[in-house]
Protein backbone atom coordinates (compact mmCIF):
# COMPACT_ATOMS: atom_id res chain seq x y z
CA MET A 1 120.26 109.91 104.27
CA SER A 2 116.78 111.43 102.69
CA PRO A 3 113.89 109.32 104.23
CA SER A 4 113.00 108.52 100.40
CA ALA A 5 116.17 106.89 99.93
CA SER A 6 116.01 104.67 103.17
CA GLY A 7 112.54 104.03 102.56
CA CYS A 8 109.67 106.20 104.77
CA CYS A 9 108.25 103.65 106.77
CA HIS A 10 111.73 102.82 108.19
CA TRP A 11 110.47 103.87 111.98
CA ILE A 12 107.17 102.41 112.02
CA THR A 13 108.05 98.50 111.35
CA PRO A 14 107.86 96.71 113.92
CA GLY A 15 110.60 95.45 116.12
CA LYS A 16 110.43 92.05 117.89
CA THR A 17 108.29 92.72 120.98
CA ASN A 18 106.00 94.50 118.45
CA SER A 19 105.53 92.52 116.02
CA PRO A 20 102.33 90.39 114.88
CA ARG A 21 103.73 87.14 115.95
CA HIS A 22 105.16 88.24 119.01
CA LEU A 23 101.52 89.75 119.65
CA GLY A 24 100.45 86.42 118.87
CA ARG A 25 102.04 84.81 120.99
CA GLN A 26 101.53 87.04 124.16
CA ASP A 27 98.13 88.48 123.48
CA PHE A 28 95.95 85.19 122.19
CA ALA A 29 97.86 82.49 124.04
CA GLY A 30 95.18 80.86 125.28
CA ASP A 31 90.63 81.91 124.13
CA HIS A 32 91.16 85.84 125.08
CA ARG A 33 88.15 86.27 122.53
CA GLY A 34 86.19 89.42 123.75
CA THR A 35 89.08 90.54 126.26
CA PRO A 36 90.02 94.21 126.50
CA GLN A 37 93.52 92.55 125.08
CA ALA A 38 92.57 91.34 122.17
CA LEU A 39 90.73 94.62 121.46
CA GLN A 40 93.84 96.59 122.69
CA ALA A 41 95.80 93.90 120.14
CA PHE A 42 93.61 94.19 117.66
CA ILE A 43 93.24 97.75 117.39
CA ARG A 44 97.24 98.08 117.78
CA GLU A 45 97.37 96.36 114.75
CA TYR A 46 94.82 97.88 112.57
CA LEU A 47 96.46 101.26 113.42
CA PHE A 48 100.08 99.53 112.29
CA VAL A 49 98.28 98.54 108.80
CA LEU A 50 96.98 102.33 108.62
CA LEU A 51 100.30 103.56 108.97
CA PHE A 52 101.93 101.42 106.57
CA GLN A 53 99.20 102.11 103.96
CA ALA A 54 99.41 105.35 104.00
CA CYS A 55 103.62 105.21 104.12
CA ALA A 56 103.30 103.04 100.73
CA GLU A 57 100.58 105.38 98.76
CA SER A 58 102.95 108.41 99.54
CA LEU A 59 106.05 106.33 98.37
CA ALA A 60 103.95 105.25 95.09
CA SER A 61 102.92 108.53 94.70
CA GLU A 62 106.59 109.97 94.59
CA ASN A 63 107.77 107.96 92.29
CA ALA A 64 105.36 108.46 89.92
CA SER A 65 106.02 111.82 89.93
CA ARG A 66 109.43 111.30 89.59
CA LEU A 67 108.77 109.16 86.60
CA ALA A 68 106.74 111.68 85.04
CA ALA A 69 109.20 114.20 85.46
CA MET A 70 112.21 112.07 83.97
CA GLN A 71 109.57 111.15 80.94
CA ARG A 72 109.04 115.06 80.49
CA ALA A 73 112.81 115.65 80.71
CA GLU A 74 113.27 112.74 78.30
CA LYS A 75 110.65 113.87 75.50
CA ASN A 76 112.54 117.68 76.13
CA ILE A 77 115.99 116.65 75.24
CA GLU A 78 114.50 114.96 72.23
CA ASN A 79 113.01 117.76 70.95
CA ILE A 80 115.96 119.98 71.70
CA LEU A 81 118.16 117.27 69.63
CA GLU A 82 116.05 117.40 66.54
CA GLU A 83 116.30 121.60 66.12
CA LEU A 84 119.88 121.12 66.88
CA SER A 85 120.48 118.37 64.19
CA ALA A 86 118.06 120.35 61.82
CA GLY A 87 120.96 123.18 61.55
CA CYS A 88 120.23 125.53 63.91
CA THR A 89 123.20 128.04 65.08
CA VAL A 90 120.96 129.81 67.39
CA PHE A 91 118.54 128.19 69.46
CA ASP A 92 115.29 129.49 69.57
CA ARG A 93 113.74 128.87 72.95
CA ASN A 94 110.41 130.51 72.62
CA PRO A 95 107.81 127.67 72.23
CA SER A 96 105.19 129.05 70.20
CA THR A 97 107.82 129.38 67.47
CA LYS A 98 108.86 125.96 66.02
CA SER A 99 111.57 127.48 64.09
CA CYS A 100 115.74 128.92 64.50
CA SER A 101 116.32 131.73 64.77
CA MET A 102 119.42 133.01 62.04
């Protein structure tokens, strides 16, 4: 299965031990403001968000380029069908000439 088919971020999704809820119970139980544990948990969550955002942007970019390619292909198909339906027997593939060669 390709990474884009299964989602490119499946490997960075937090599990039960790394989820923000679990961190909240473990690292922030009680008053740990200003402690190294709180800073470490904050940095870990910040890095996770940065990785997730980069992965989401990459996936969105990939989908946008696929959509653009499909739209170009659809337009090309429509142009070819118009040329063929005009009664052409041999289709001229030269884009500079908009006529069919007989």
